[in-house]
Amino acid sequence: MPLNKEVKTQVITDYHRHEADTGSADVQIAILSKRISQLTDHLRANKLDNSSRRGLLKLVGTRRRLLAYLRKTDYPRYLALTERLNIRKK
């Protein structure tokens, strides 16, 4: 279940750093967070869907790695993004 084009475009416009930005860490993390919340809702309704659960775990791992990269390179931006997306930080 990929994100709709309209939803993805809206997320990109909300989190981009400049006009042509579509792939910065901020945008990637925001898109992954939206997709993770979508899959979480799906799994609440379909508890036995193990293939979607595996996909969810892969997305969470990818987001975790991107957050670690952002934390290492630009800590104030990391704090602002985690606050804005309501992501727990360790």
Protein backbone atom coordinates (compact mmCIF):
# COMPACT_ATOMS: atom_id res chain seq x y z
CA MET A 1 0.00 0.00 0.00
CA PRO A 2 2.07 2.93 -1.18
CA LEU A 3 1.15 6.48 -0.26
CA ASN A 4 -1.17 8.38 -2.58
CA LYS A 5 0.53 10.91 -4.82
CA GLU A 6 -1.37 13.79 -3.20
CA VAL A 7 -0.39 12.71 0.32
CA LYS A 8 3.25 12.24 -0.66
CA THR A 9 3.36 15.65 -2.39
CA GLN A 10 1.84 17.28 0.69
CA VAL A 11 4.44 15.66 2.98
CA ILE A 12 7.25 16.82 0.66
CA THR A 13 5.97 20.41 0.65
CA ASP A 14 5.63 20.38 4.44
CA TYR A 15 9.15 19.12 5.17
CA HIS A 16 11.32 20.29 2.24
CA ARG A 17 14.33 22.49 2.96
CA HIS A 18 14.25 24.38 -0.37
CA GLU A 19 12.00 24.42 -3.42
CA ALA A 20 13.64 21.58 -5.37
CA ASP A 21 14.20 19.38 -2.31
CA THR A 22 12.58 15.97 -2.61
CA GLY A 23 15.17 13.65 -1.09
CA SER A 24 16.75 15.21 1.98
CA ALA A 25 16.82 13.21 5.19
CA ASP A 26 13.98 15.32 6.60
CA VAL A 27 11.69 14.52 3.68
CA GLN A 28 12.61 10.83 3.66
CA ILE A 29 11.96 10.51 7.40
CA ALA A 30 8.62 12.30 7.09
CA ILE A 31 7.49 10.05 4.21
CA LEU A 32 8.57 6.94 6.11
CA SER A 33 6.73 8.14 9.22
CA LYS A 34 3.54 8.65 7.25
CA ARG A 35 3.88 5.18 5.71
CA ILE A 36 4.62 3.61 9.11
CA SER A 37 1.48 5.14 10.62
CA GLN A 38 -0.54 3.86 7.64
CA LEU A 39 0.81 0.33 8.05
CA THR A 40 0.29 0.43 11.81
CA ASP A 41 -3.39 1.21 11.29
CA HIS A 42 -3.63 -1.62 8.76
CA LEU A 43 -2.05 -4.09 11.17
CA ARG A 44 -4.41 -3.11 13.97
CA ALA A 45 -7.28 -4.24 11.75
CA ASN A 46 -5.46 -7.27 10.25
CA LYS A 47 -3.52 -8.89 13.06
CA LEU A 48 -2.42 -11.96 11.10
CA ASP A 49 -0.90 -10.12 8.13
CA ASN A 50 2.71 -11.13 8.72
CA SER A 51 4.07 -9.97 5.36
CA SER A 52 2.90 -6.42 6.07
CA ARG A 53 4.41 -6.71 9.56
CA ARG A 54 7.77 -7.57 7.99
CA GLY A 55 7.49 -4.57 5.68
CA LEU A 56 6.67 -2.37 8.65
CA LEU A 57 9.77 -3.56 10.50
CA LYS A 58 11.93 -2.83 7.45
CA LEU A 59 10.50 0.70 7.22
CA VAL A 60 11.11 1.31 10.93
CA GLY A 61 14.72 0.16 10.54
CA THR A 62 15.27 2.45 7.56
CA ARG A 63 13.80 5.40 9.43
CA ARG A 64 15.95 4.59 12.46
CA ARG A 65 19.11 4.63 10.34
CA LEU A 66 18.15 7.95 8.73
CA LEU A 67 17.44 9.44 12.15
CA ALA A 68 20.84 8.25 13.40
CA TYR A 69 22.50 9.89 10.39
CA LEU A 70 20.64 13.15 10.97
CA ARG A 71 21.46 13.06 14.68
CA LYS A 72 25.15 12.60 13.91
CA THR A 73 25.36 15.33 11.26
CA ASP A 74 22.92 18.05 12.41
CA TYR A 75 21.65 17.62 15.97
CA PRO A 76 19.41 20.75 16.19
CA ARG A 77 17.65 19.74 12.96
CA TYR A 78 17.23 16.22 14.37
CA LEU A 79 15.62 17.59 17.53
CA ALA A 80 13.28 19.85 15.55
CA LEU A 81 12.21 17.02 13.24
CA THR A 82 11.58 14.49 16.01
CA GLU A 83 9.55 17.09 17.89
CA ARG A 84 7.52 17.93 14.79
CA LEU A 85 6.84 14.28 13.91
CA ASN A 86 6.28 13.19 17.55
CA ILE A 87 8.99 10.52 17.34
CA ARG A 88 10.50 9.27 20.58
CA LYS A 89 14.23 9.83 20.75
CA LYS A 90 16.77 7.77 22.65
